[in-house]
Amino acid sequence: MIGQLRLDDHLQRYTETAPHALAVAAAVDAIATAAIEIAGLIASGDLADASGLTTGRNSDGDLQRDLDVHADAILRRCLGRLPIAALASEEMREAQIVDRHGRICIAIDPLDGSSNIDINMTVGTIFSILPAPDDLSLAFQQRGSAQLAAGFVTYGPQTSLVLTLGDGVDIFTLDRKAGCFRLARSAVQISETCEEFAINASNRRHWDPPVRAFIDECLAGVEGPANHDFNMRWIGSLVAEAYRILTRGGVFLYPSDARPGYGDGRLRLVYEAHPMAMIIEQAGGSASTGRERVLELSAQSLHQRVPLIMGSSNEVRRAEELHCDPLLVASVSAPLFARRGFFRL
């Protein structure tokens, strides 16, 4: 069945399972159609002269590149054919109410990792599908656990679509000749333990003590409490980091830190952390802020940011333990006198 089952056949089977299934399947199919077009645009080099150029800043203040805008337009065009209740995008200032009779709401990050465009690294699309609440103004203030489906697409050597419909995680790969996605891996499971961690180590001086302590344990390898060696990875693309974890395990950290604008983390809860957390948990891993489960959180604003630690469950659990360590917690507010301060014995 692997390599033969097409995404549309997989979605057809799913439509018979739940009240929202037909609407969810149509949305995933539309996103897959958009992803094929985006993949073709990236691969063809039609925007080679402009795709890495900045065109300003998006609604949340981040640098916006030419391909960000194109990807957003393609996705909105494909999704615009469906009776969606509400739509949100990283490139939109506010959520858009589309059809008050729609049954689902969709949040998208059209092109994650776009800072990697000009160096030809993996970028992708992330999406989250939620039920439509009675009050559509609250569409994207639901807990992550309310998600009906989530997924992401990676545009790399292969174009892959990672999908959960709430019953495990499957990975589909684009068959370019046939113009469709075919099942490549089913029922993906993340190992509880790992040998790789991913974090931007250049920010070490800004990290809170629990994060620094966790990375110190990883770096200590067999001589530390983890009792095994780790390799470090950092791509700077959330979709690429997540795909690696799904493929061979590991843990990814994008914590809050002391830099201006990073106190609440940097990833967006609604269309980055929530869908990734659902995918990781459905594959047997864990996703946390360090202090609480990401899927238990609800956003107060569309572009709300959040710390994210995700991957192999044992490593995420250890990071949470360190965030609850009284001495480490105290050292955040009293660094001179706590465990890692100047007066440590």
Protein backbone atom coordinates (compact mmCIF):
# COMPACT_ATOMS: atom_id res chain seq x y z
CA MET A 1 0.00 0.00 0.00
CA ILE A 2 2.92 2.35 0.72
CA GLY A 3 3.65 4.31 -2.44
CA GLN A 4 0.33 3.33 -4.02
CA LEU A 5 -2.26 5.01 -1.82
CA ARG A 6 -2.98 8.52 -3.02
CA LEU A 7 -3.84 11.37 -0.69
CA ASP A 8 -7.27 11.81 -2.24
CA ASP A 9 -8.06 8.12 -1.59
CA HIS A 10 -6.90 8.52 2.01
CA LEU A 11 -9.13 11.57 2.41
CA GLN A 12 -12.09 9.79 0.81
CA ARG A 13 -11.88 7.07 3.46
CA TYR A 14 -11.68 9.71 6.17
CA THR A 15 -14.86 11.49 5.02
CA GLU A 16 -16.93 8.62 6.40
CA THR A 17 -15.59 8.95 9.95
CA ALA A 18 -16.80 12.20 11.57
CA PRO A 19 -19.31 15.06 11.21
CA HIS A 20 -16.63 17.55 10.11
CA ALA A 21 -14.75 15.05 8.00
CA LEU A 22 -16.05 16.13 4.59
CA ALA A 23 -15.13 19.78 5.20
CA VAL A 24 -11.73 18.85 6.65
CA ALA A 25 -10.93 16.55 3.72
CA ALA A 26 -11.85 19.27 1.21
CA ALA A 27 -9.60 21.73 3.02
CA VAL A 28 -6.63 19.35 3.11
CA ASP A 29 -7.13 18.61 -0.58
CA ALA A 30 -7.15 22.34 -1.36
CA ILE A 31 -3.98 22.88 0.68
CA ALA A 32 -2.31 19.96 -1.14
CA THR A 33 -3.28 21.52 -4.48
CA ALA A 34 -1.79 24.83 -3.37
CA ALA A 35 1.35 23.06 -2.14
CA ILE A 36 1.91 21.47 -5.55
CA GLU A 37 1.72 24.92 -7.14
CA ILE A 38 4.05 26.44 -4.53
CA ALA A 39 6.50 23.55 -4.95
CA GLY A 40 6.49 24.10 -8.69
CA LEU A 41 7.07 27.81 -8.26
CA ILE A 42 10.04 27.21 -5.96
CA ALA A 43 11.54 24.44 -8.09
CA SER A 44 11.16 26.26 -11.39
CA GLY A 45 13.11 29.29 -10.25
CA ASP A 46 10.47 31.63 -11.70
CA LEU A 47 11.10 33.90 -8.73
CA ALA A 48 14.83 33.26 -8.60
CA ASP A 49 15.65 36.93 -8.89
CA ALA A 50 13.16 38.09 -6.29
CA SER A 51 12.14 35.22 -4.00
CA GLY A 52 14.79 35.97 -1.42
CA LEU A 53 14.22 39.70 -1.43
CA THR A 54 12.32 41.40 1.34
CA THR A 55 9.22 43.35 0.35
CA GLY A 56 8.61 44.93 3.76
CA ARG A 57 7.19 43.52 6.97
CA ASN A 58 4.12 41.41 7.55
CA SER A 59 1.28 42.22 9.92
CA ASP A 60 3.27 40.94 12.91
CA GLY A 61 6.41 42.90 12.14
CA ASP A 62 8.58 40.14 10.66
CA LEU A 63 10.48 40.62 7.41
CA GLN A 64 8.30 39.59 4.49
CA ARG A 65 9.79 38.12 1.36
CA ASP A 66 8.44 38.02 -2.15
CA LEU A 67 7.71 34.30 -1.99
CA ASP A 68 5.85 34.73 1.33
CA VAL A 69 3.35 36.90 -0.51
CA HIS A 70 3.05 34.51 -3.47
CA ALA A 71 2.56 31.46 -1.23
CA ASP A 72 -0.11 33.26 0.79
CA ALA A 73 -1.96 34.28 -2.38
CA ILE A 74 -1.88 30.74 -3.77
CA LEU A 75 -3.22 29.20 -0.56
CA ARG A 76 -5.95 31.78 -0.16
CA ARG A 77 -7.03 31.29 -3.77
CA CYS A 78 -7.26 27.51 -3.39
CA LEU A 79 -9.03 27.70 -0.02
CA GLY A 80 -11.29 30.48 -1.28
CA ARG A 81 -13.29 27.93 -3.24
CA LEU A 82 -14.49 26.26 -0.04
CA PRO A 83 -17.20 27.22 2.48
CA ILE A 84 -14.73 27.98 5.28
CA ALA A 85 -16.08 29.87 8.28
CA ALA A 86 -12.88 31.80 9.05
CA LEU A 87 -9.36 32.02 7.67
CA ALA A 88 -6.18 33.30 9.32
CA SER A 89 -2.68 33.67 7.93
CA GLU A 90 0.65 34.90 9.17
CA GLU A 91 0.46 37.44 6.36
CA MET A 92 -2.94 38.78 7.48
CA ARG A 93 -3.35 41.44 10.14
CA GLU A 94 -6.62 39.96 11.36
CA ALA A 95 -8.60 36.79 10.77
CA GLN A 96 -11.14 36.92 7.96
CA ILE A 97 -14.69 35.67 8.39
CA VAL A 98 -15.48 33.96 5.08
CA ASP A 99 -18.75 32.04 5.42
CA ARG A 100 -20.81 32.17 8.60
CA HIS A 101 -22.35 28.82 7.67
CA GLY A 102 -18.98 27.12 7.29
CA ARG A 103 -18.10 24.26 9.62
CA ILE A 104 -14.34 24.73 9.92
CA CYS A 105 -11.74 27.44 10.45
CA ILE A 106 -8.23 27.32 9.01
CA ALA A 107 -5.00 28.99 10.15
CA ILE A 108 -1.90 28.90 7.93
CA ASP A 109 1.73 29.87 7.90
CA PRO A 110 2.10 30.07 4.10
CA LEU A 111 5.89 29.87 3.98
CA ASP A 112 7.68 28.87 7.16
CA GLY A 113 11.45 29.37 7.18
CA SER A 114 11.41 31.96 4.42
CA SER A 115 14.69 33.42 5.70
CA ASN A 116 16.23 30.26 4.18
CA ILE A 117 15.01 30.99 0.66
CA ASP A 118 18.12 32.75 -0.57
CA ILE A 119 20.41 29.92 0.63
CA ASN A 120 18.29 27.17 -0.98
CA MET A 121 17.31 25.47 2.29
CA THR A 122 14.06 23.70 3.13
CA VAL A 123 10.98 25.87 3.64
CA GLY A 124 7.38 24.84 4.08
CA THR A 125 3.71 25.48 4.75
CA ILE A 126 1.97 24.82 8.11
CA PHE A 127 -1.79 24.55 8.65
CA SER A 128 -4.28 24.03 11.45
CA ILE A 129 -7.96 23.12 11.03
CA LEU A 130 -10.44 23.89 13.80
CA PRO A 131 -14.20 23.52 14.25
CA ALA A 132 -16.18 26.70 13.73
CA PRO A 133 -17.51 28.03 17.08
CA ASP A 134 -20.86 29.77 17.36
CA ASP A 135 -19.04 33.08 17.83
CA LEU A 136 -16.60 33.31 14.93
CA SER A 137 -14.72 36.13 16.61
CA LEU A 138 -13.40 33.37 18.91
CA ALA A 139 -12.43 31.05 16.05
CA PHE A 140 -8.71 31.25 16.73
CA GLN A 141 -8.90 31.52 20.51
CA GLN A 142 -9.66 27.82 20.95
CA ARG A 143 -7.31 25.45 22.73
CA GLY A 144 -4.95 23.51 20.54
CA SER A 145 -6.68 20.32 21.67
CA ALA A 146 -9.76 21.45 19.72
CA GLN A 147 -7.97 21.00 16.38
CA LEU A 148 -9.60 18.59 13.96
CA ALA A 149 -6.51 18.20 11.79
CA ALA A 150 -3.08 19.69 11.29
CA GLY A 151 -0.19 19.31 8.92
CA PHE A 152 2.75 20.81 7.15
CA VAL A 153 4.44 20.62 3.78
CA THR A 154 8.19 20.65 3.23
CA TYR A 155 9.61 21.98 -0.02
CA GLY A 156 13.02 20.34 -0.17
CA PRO A 157 14.69 17.59 -2.21
CA GLN A 158 11.23 16.00 -1.99
CA THR A 159 7.95 17.78 -1.44
CA SER A 160 6.32 15.99 1.49
CA LEU A 161 2.99 16.52 3.22
CA VAL A 162 2.82 15.50 6.88
CA LEU A 163 -0.77 15.05 8.03
CA THR A 164 -2.74 14.13 11.10
CA LEU A 165 -6.50 13.80 11.01
CA GLY A 166 -6.57 13.07 14.72
CA ASP A 167 -5.68 9.39 14.42
CA GLY A 168 -1.92 9.18 13.97
CA VAL A 169 0.49 10.80 11.53
CA ASP A 170 1.03 9.91 7.89
CA ILE A 171 3.58 11.32 5.44
CA PHE A 172 2.81 11.73 1.74
CA THR A 173 5.37 12.53 -0.94
CA LEU A 174 4.63 14.43 -4.15
CA ASP A 175 4.70 12.30 -7.29
CA ARG A 176 5.63 15.07 -9.72
CA LYS A 177 4.84 13.07 -12.85
CA ALA A 178 1.33 12.17 -11.68
CA GLY A 179 0.78 15.52 -9.94
CA CYS A 180 -0.45 13.93 -6.70
CA PHE A 181 0.72 13.03 -3.21
CA ARG A 182 1.31 9.34 -2.44
CA LEU A 183 1.63 7.69 0.96
CA ALA A 184 5.30 7.30 1.94
CA ARG A 185 5.04 6.46 5.67
CA SER A 186 2.05 5.58 7.81
CA ALA A 187 1.46 5.64 11.57
CA VAL A 188 4.72 7.50 12.21
CA GLN A 189 6.04 7.14 15.77
CA ILE A 190 8.75 9.20 17.48
CA SER A 191 11.21 7.36 19.70
CA GLU A 192 10.85 8.28 23.39
CA THR A 193 14.59 8.90 23.63
CA CYS A 194 16.83 10.78 21.24
CA GLU A 195 20.40 11.47 20.23
CA GLU A 196 19.88 14.89 18.62
CA PHE A 197 18.86 18.28 19.94
CA ALA A 198 18.16 21.45 17.98
CA ILE A 199 18.51 24.97 19.36
CA ASN A 200 20.12 28.21 18.24
CA ALA A 201 23.15 28.01 20.53
CA SER A 202 24.29 31.53 19.63
CA ASN A 203 21.58 32.80 22.02
CA ARG A 204 22.92 30.91 25.02
CA ARG A 205 23.73 34.08 26.98
CA HIS A 206 20.07 35.11 26.74
CA TRP A 207 18.51 31.82 27.87
CA ASP A 208 16.80 31.31 31.20
CA PRO A 209 18.67 28.95 33.57
CA PRO A 210 16.37 25.92 32.96
CA VAL A 211 17.10 26.01 29.23
CA ARG A 212 20.81 26.46 29.83
CA ALA A 213 20.79 23.55 32.29
CA PHE A 214 19.02 21.28 29.80
CA ILE A 215 21.51 22.04 27.03
CA ASP A 216 24.40 21.61 29.48
CA GLU A 217 23.11 18.10 30.20
CA CYS A 218 22.96 17.35 26.48
CA LEU A 219 26.49 18.64 25.98
CA ALA A 220 27.76 16.57 28.92
CA GLY A 221 26.82 13.44 26.98
CA VAL A 222 27.77 10.13 28.56
CA GLU A 223 29.36 11.99 31.47
CA GLY A 224 26.10 13.74 32.35
CA PRO A 225 22.68 12.64 33.67
CA ALA A 226 21.45 11.74 30.18
CA ASN A 227 24.16 9.06 30.06
CA HIS A 228 24.50 9.22 26.27
CA ASP A 229 25.98 11.53 23.66
CA PHE A 230 23.98 13.96 21.54
CA ASN A 231 24.50 15.64 18.19
CA MET A 232 23.33 19.22 17.72
CA ARG A 233 21.25 20.39 14.76
CA TRP A 234 19.85 23.78 13.85
CA ILE A 235 18.25 24.57 10.49
CA GLY A 236 16.17 27.61 11.35
CA SER A 237 13.08 26.20 9.63
CA LEU A 238 10.35 24.79 11.87
CA VAL A 239 9.02 22.41 9.20
CA ALA A 240 12.50 20.98 8.57
CA GLU A 241 13.16 20.53 12.29
CA ALA A 242 9.81 18.79 12.79
CA TYR A 243 10.31 16.52 9.79
CA ARG A 244 13.70 15.43 11.11
CA ILE A 245 12.17 14.61 14.51
CA LEU A 246 9.41 12.56 12.88
CA THR A 247 11.99 10.74 10.79
CA ARG A 248 14.67 9.93 13.37
CA GLY A 249 13.66 11.36 16.75
CA GLY A 250 15.15 14.25 18.64
CA VAL A 251 14.13 17.37 20.51
CA PHE A 252 13.70 20.95 19.28
CA LEU A 253 13.79 24.04 21.50
CA TYR A 254 12.78 27.58 20.61
CA PRO A 255 12.52 29.02 24.13
CA SER A 256 11.72 32.47 25.38
CA ASP A 257 14.80 34.45 26.32
CA ALA A 258 15.99 37.81 27.62
CA ARG A 259 16.22 39.62 24.26
CA PRO A 260 13.71 42.39 23.53
CA GLY A 261 10.70 40.85 21.81
CA TYR A 262 11.57 37.28 22.83
CA GLY A 263 10.17 37.25 26.36
CA ASP A 264 7.11 35.25 25.28
CA GLY A 265 8.95 33.11 22.77
CA ARG A 266 8.97 33.75 19.06
CA LEU A 267 6.83 31.10 17.36
CA ARG A 268 3.14 31.84 16.83
CA LEU A 269 0.74 29.76 18.85
CA VAL A 270 -2.20 29.56 16.43
CA TYR A 271 -0.56 28.61 13.15
CA GLU A 272 2.84 27.25 14.20
CA ALA A 273 2.97 25.82 17.73
CA HIS A 274 -0.58 24.42 17.85
CA PRO A 275 -0.43 22.40 14.61
CA MET A 276 3.11 21.20 15.31
CA ALA A 277 2.13 20.15 18.83
CA MET A 278 -0.81 18.14 17.50
CA ILE A 279 1.38 16.39 14.93
CA ILE A 280 4.13 15.60 17.43
CA GLU A 281 1.70 14.26 20.04
CA GLN A 282 -0.14 12.18 17.45
CA ALA A 283 3.23 10.61 16.63
CA GLY A 284 3.87 9.72 20.26
CA GLY A 285 6.02 12.71 21.20
CA SER A 286 5.42 15.71 23.44
CA ALA A 287 5.15 19.47 22.97
CA SER A 288 5.49 21.94 25.82
CA THR A 289 6.38 25.52 26.63
CA GLY A 290 8.60 24.08 29.34
CA ARG A 291 5.89 24.73 31.89
CA GLU A 292 2.68 23.58 30.25
CA ARG A 293 1.35 21.45 27.40
CA VAL A 294 1.04 23.51 24.22
CA LEU A 295 -2.30 21.94 23.25
CA GLU A 296 -3.83 23.19 26.51
CA LEU A 297 -3.13 26.81 25.56
CA SER A 298 -5.60 29.18 23.91
CA ALA A 299 -4.52 32.35 22.15
CA GLN A 300 -5.69 35.80 23.18
CA SER A 301 -4.60 37.31 19.88
CA LEU A 302 -4.08 35.91 16.39
CA HIS A 303 -0.31 36.40 16.29
CA GLN A 304 0.40 35.53 19.94
CA ARG A 305 3.88 34.07 20.45
CA VAL A 306 4.88 31.16 22.63
CA PRO A 307 7.98 29.14 23.60
CA LEU A 308 8.11 25.65 22.09
CA ILE A 309 9.94 22.50 23.18
CA MET A 310 8.89 19.47 21.15
CA GLY A 311 10.02 16.00 20.21
CA SER A 312 10.96 12.79 22.00
CA SER A 313 8.85 12.57 25.14
CA ASN A 314 11.65 11.74 27.60
CA GLU A 315 13.64 14.81 26.61
CA VAL A 316 10.65 17.14 26.71
CA ARG A 317 9.75 15.74 30.12
CA ARG A 318 13.29 16.43 31.36
CA ALA A 319 13.10 20.02 30.09
CA GLU A 320 9.84 20.45 32.01
CA GLU A 321 11.44 19.06 35.17
CA LEU A 322 14.20 21.65 34.94
CA HIS A 323 11.65 24.44 34.41
CA CYS A 324 10.02 23.32 37.67
CA ASP A 325 13.31 23.10 39.61
CA PRO A 326 12.89 25.64 42.49
CA LEU A 327 16.55 26.64 42.45
CA LEU A 328 16.59 27.20 38.70
CA VAL A 329 13.29 29.08 38.80
CA ALA A 330 14.59 31.27 41.62
CA SER A 331 17.75 32.03 39.69
CA VAL A 332 15.71 33.75 36.97
CA SER A 333 14.78 36.52 39.41
CA ALA A 334 17.76 36.24 41.76
CA PRO A 335 20.73 35.20 39.59
CA LEU A 336 23.44 36.20 42.06
CA PHE A 337 22.39 33.82 44.80
CA ALA A 338 20.80 30.79 43.11
CA ARG A 339 22.22 27.52 41.92
CA ARG A 340 23.97 28.91 38.85
CA GLY A 341 24.86 32.32 40.27
CA PHE A 342 28.14 33.96 41.29
CA PHE A 343 27.90 32.68 44.87
CA ARG A 344 27.30 29.04 44.06
CA LEU A 345 29.37 26.82 46.40
